[in-house]
Amino acid sequence: MKKQYIEAGRIVGTHGLRGEVRIDPWCDSADFLCGFKRLYDSAGREMKVKRARVHKNVAVVLFAGTDTIEQADLLRGRIVYIDRNDAVLPEGVNFIQDLIGLSVQDADSGIVYGTVTDVIKTGANDVYQVEKDGREYLLPVIPDVVIEKDIDGGVIKIRPIKGIFDDED
């Protein structure tokens, strides 16, 4: 089941004296996080963004009602969330939390290889960490391997390359 609110980062400190906070982004980039007009706290309360910009790989955000460094400092350590409906993702791009827990199956035989436990960002392509019976496997997310991602159906269909799930050369 997809969560409505998605963890997007943590407020790690203040910036300046006028109430801005620094947010360490847990999404693809600080720039992506700066594109939202509202963020949410862990209780689902809306935090209206008055201004947001990127500074040294963090998002510097000024929330409505936060005008002093003292008010901003009270927000330190909080996790901020985005509403899934506010995010526009390109075709074929998914939230990592939607991929965690999906079953990985062979596209042709239906053999279950395990469950996605993590997504590793390598730069060239993502890598799914798949676990089955206490063993971990690394699966490159490339078109020749990942055939279909059915988030709502809970399955990723693949055609594995030799050596990922077996000891073949």
Protein backbone atom coordinates (compact mmCIF):
# COMPACT_ATOMS: atom_id res chain seq x y z
CA MET A 1 0.00 0.00 0.00
CA LYS A 2 1.39 3.35 -1.00
CA LYS A 3 1.81 5.90 1.75
CA GLN A 4 0.29 9.32 1.13
CA TYR A 5 3.19 11.17 2.78
CA ILE A 6 6.74 10.35 1.80
CA GLU A 7 9.84 11.11 3.87
CA ALA A 8 11.76 13.78 2.00
CA GLY A 9 14.46 14.97 4.39
CA ARG A 10 15.49 16.09 7.85
CA ILE A 11 15.88 19.61 9.18
CA VAL A 12 19.53 19.67 10.22
CA GLY A 13 19.92 23.25 11.38
CA THR A 14 19.22 26.91 10.92
CA HIS A 15 20.49 29.25 8.22
CA GLY A 16 20.96 32.91 9.04
CA LEU A 17 18.96 34.87 11.58
CA ARG A 18 15.56 35.24 9.88
CA GLY A 19 14.03 31.80 10.42
CA GLU A 20 15.41 29.76 7.52
CA VAL A 21 16.24 26.08 8.07
CA ARG A 22 18.61 23.73 6.29
CA ILE A 23 17.06 20.46 5.14
CA ASP A 24 19.20 17.46 4.23
CA PRO A 25 17.25 16.00 1.28
CA TRP A 26 16.46 12.29 1.22
CA CYS A 27 15.11 12.57 -2.30
CA ASP A 28 17.08 12.76 -5.55
CA SER A 29 18.23 16.32 -4.96
CA ALA A 30 17.76 19.47 -2.92
CA ASP A 31 16.45 21.07 -6.10
CA PHE A 32 13.57 18.56 -6.24
CA LEU A 33 12.69 19.33 -2.62
CA CYS A 34 12.74 23.08 -3.28
CA GLY A 35 10.00 22.64 -5.88
CA PHE A 36 7.30 22.06 -3.25
CA LYS A 37 5.07 24.84 -1.91
CA ARG A 38 4.18 22.81 1.17
CA LEU A 39 5.83 20.15 3.26
CA TYR A 40 4.42 18.20 6.18
CA ASP A 41 5.59 17.18 9.63
CA SER A 42 5.30 13.69 11.12
CA ALA A 43 1.76 14.42 12.33
CA GLY A 44 0.66 15.33 8.79
CA ARG A 45 0.41 19.05 9.57
CA GLU A 46 1.08 21.32 6.61
CA MET A 47 4.15 23.55 6.71
CA LYS A 48 3.76 26.27 4.06
CA VAL A 49 6.97 27.11 2.23
CA LYS A 50 7.45 30.85 1.77
CA ARG A 51 10.81 30.52 0.06
CA ALA A 52 13.19 27.68 -0.85
CA ARG A 53 16.59 27.50 -2.53
CA VAL A 54 19.54 25.16 -2.89
CA HIS A 55 22.73 25.94 -0.98
CA LYS A 56 25.66 23.48 -0.90
CA ASN A 57 23.52 20.38 -1.57
CA VAL A 58 20.92 21.21 1.07
CA ALA A 59 17.56 22.94 0.77
CA VAL A 60 17.34 26.25 2.60
CA VAL A 61 13.67 26.77 3.40
CA LEU A 62 11.70 29.53 5.08
CA PHE A 63 8.36 28.32 6.44
CA ALA A 64 5.41 30.64 6.99
CA GLY A 65 5.28 31.63 10.67
CA THR A 66 8.95 30.97 11.27
CA ASP A 67 10.59 34.38 11.36
CA THR A 68 13.42 34.09 13.89
CA ILE A 69 16.42 31.87 14.45
CA GLU A 70 14.88 30.75 17.75
CA GLN A 71 11.70 29.55 16.02
CA ALA A 72 13.76 27.84 13.32
CA ASP A 73 15.96 26.13 15.90
CA LEU A 74 12.87 24.46 17.41
CA LEU A 75 12.40 22.63 14.08
CA ARG A 76 15.88 21.08 14.14
CA GLY A 77 15.81 17.28 13.84
CA ARG A 78 12.30 17.07 12.40
CA ILE A 79 11.65 14.90 9.40
CA VAL A 80 9.74 16.59 6.59
CA TYR A 81 7.39 14.81 4.23
CA ILE A 82 5.94 15.51 0.80
CA ASP A 83 2.44 14.64 -0.32
CA ARG A 84 2.65 12.06 -3.11
CA ASN A 85 -0.04 13.98 -5.02
CA ASP A 86 2.18 17.10 -5.13
CA ALA A 87 5.05 15.25 -6.84
CA VAL A 88 5.35 14.92 -10.60
CA LEU A 89 7.67 12.05 -11.52
CA PRO A 90 8.92 11.28 -15.01
CA GLU A 91 7.65 8.11 -16.72
CA GLY A 92 9.29 5.00 -15.27
CA VAL A 93 10.54 6.77 -12.12
CA ASN A 94 9.25 5.54 -8.76
CA PHE A 95 9.59 6.47 -5.13
CA ILE A 96 12.10 4.16 -3.43
CA GLN A 97 9.66 3.43 -0.60
CA ASP A 98 7.22 2.06 -3.20
CA LEU A 99 9.86 -0.41 -4.43
CA ILE A 100 10.92 -1.72 -1.01
CA GLY A 101 9.10 -4.97 -0.29
CA LEU A 102 8.20 -5.81 -3.89
CA SER A 103 8.58 -9.43 -4.97
CA VAL A 104 11.22 -10.05 -7.67
CA GLN A 105 10.10 -12.71 -10.14
CA ASP A 106 11.41 -14.23 -13.34
CA ALA A 107 9.45 -12.74 -16.25
CA ASP A 108 9.39 -16.06 -18.12
CA SER A 109 9.24 -18.83 -15.50
CA GLY A 110 7.64 -17.03 -12.54
CA ILE A 111 10.41 -18.14 -10.17
CA VAL A 112 10.54 -15.84 -7.13
CA TYR A 113 14.07 -14.58 -6.51
CA GLY A 114 13.30 -12.65 -3.35
CA THR A 115 12.17 -9.25 -2.12
CA VAL A 116 13.61 -5.79 -2.73
CA THR A 117 15.15 -4.56 0.54
CA ASP A 118 17.00 -1.46 -0.68
CA VAL A 119 17.74 0.66 -3.74
CA ILE A 120 21.35 1.72 -4.22
CA LYS A 121 22.10 4.81 -6.30
CA THR A 122 25.33 4.22 -8.24
CA GLY A 123 25.21 7.08 -10.72
CA ALA A 124 25.14 5.00 -13.90
CA ASN A 125 22.05 3.01 -12.91
CA ASP A 126 20.25 2.03 -9.74
CA VAL A 127 20.84 -1.36 -8.16
CA TYR A 128 18.13 -3.28 -6.30
CA GLN A 129 19.24 -5.17 -3.24
CA VAL A 130 17.21 -8.38 -3.22
CA GLU A 131 17.01 -10.74 -0.25
CA LYS A 132 15.87 -14.35 -0.06
CA ASP A 133 16.48 -16.87 2.71
CA GLY A 134 19.06 -14.63 4.38
CA ARG A 135 21.13 -14.13 1.22
CA GLU A 136 21.49 -10.79 -0.51
CA TYR A 137 21.80 -10.26 -4.24
CA LEU A 138 22.50 -7.11 -6.25
CA LEU A 139 20.35 -6.61 -9.33
CA PRO A 140 21.25 -3.88 -11.87
CA VAL A 141 18.27 -1.79 -12.91
CA ILE A 142 18.82 -1.81 -16.66
CA PRO A 143 16.29 -2.45 -19.46
CA ASP A 144 17.79 -5.85 -20.33
CA VAL A 145 17.23 -7.09 -16.76
CA VAL A 146 14.19 -5.26 -15.34
CA ILE A 147 11.34 -6.03 -17.69
CA GLU A 148 8.35 -4.69 -15.75
CA LYS A 149 7.64 -2.86 -12.49
CA ASP A 150 4.09 -3.37 -11.23
CA ILE A 151 4.00 -1.30 -8.05
CA ASP A 152 0.28 -1.83 -7.42
CA GLY A 153 0.62 -5.56 -8.10
CA GLY A 154 3.63 -5.81 -5.77
CA VAL A 155 6.00 -7.39 -8.29
CA ILE A 156 9.06 -6.63 -10.38
CA LYS A 157 9.54 -8.96 -13.34
CA ILE A 158 13.12 -9.57 -14.48
CA ARG A 159 15.32 -11.57 -16.81
CA PRO A 160 18.45 -12.05 -14.71
CA ILE A 161 21.89 -12.14 -16.23
CA LYS A 162 24.02 -15.18 -15.42
CA GLY A 163 25.74 -15.12 -12.09
CA ILE A 164 23.35 -12.92 -10.13
CA PHE A 165 21.26 -15.64 -8.47
CA ASP A 166 23.43 -18.66 -9.22
CA ASP A 167 27.08 -19.58 -9.30
CA GLU A 168 27.35 -19.91 -13.08
CA ASP A 169 30.22 -18.29 -14.92
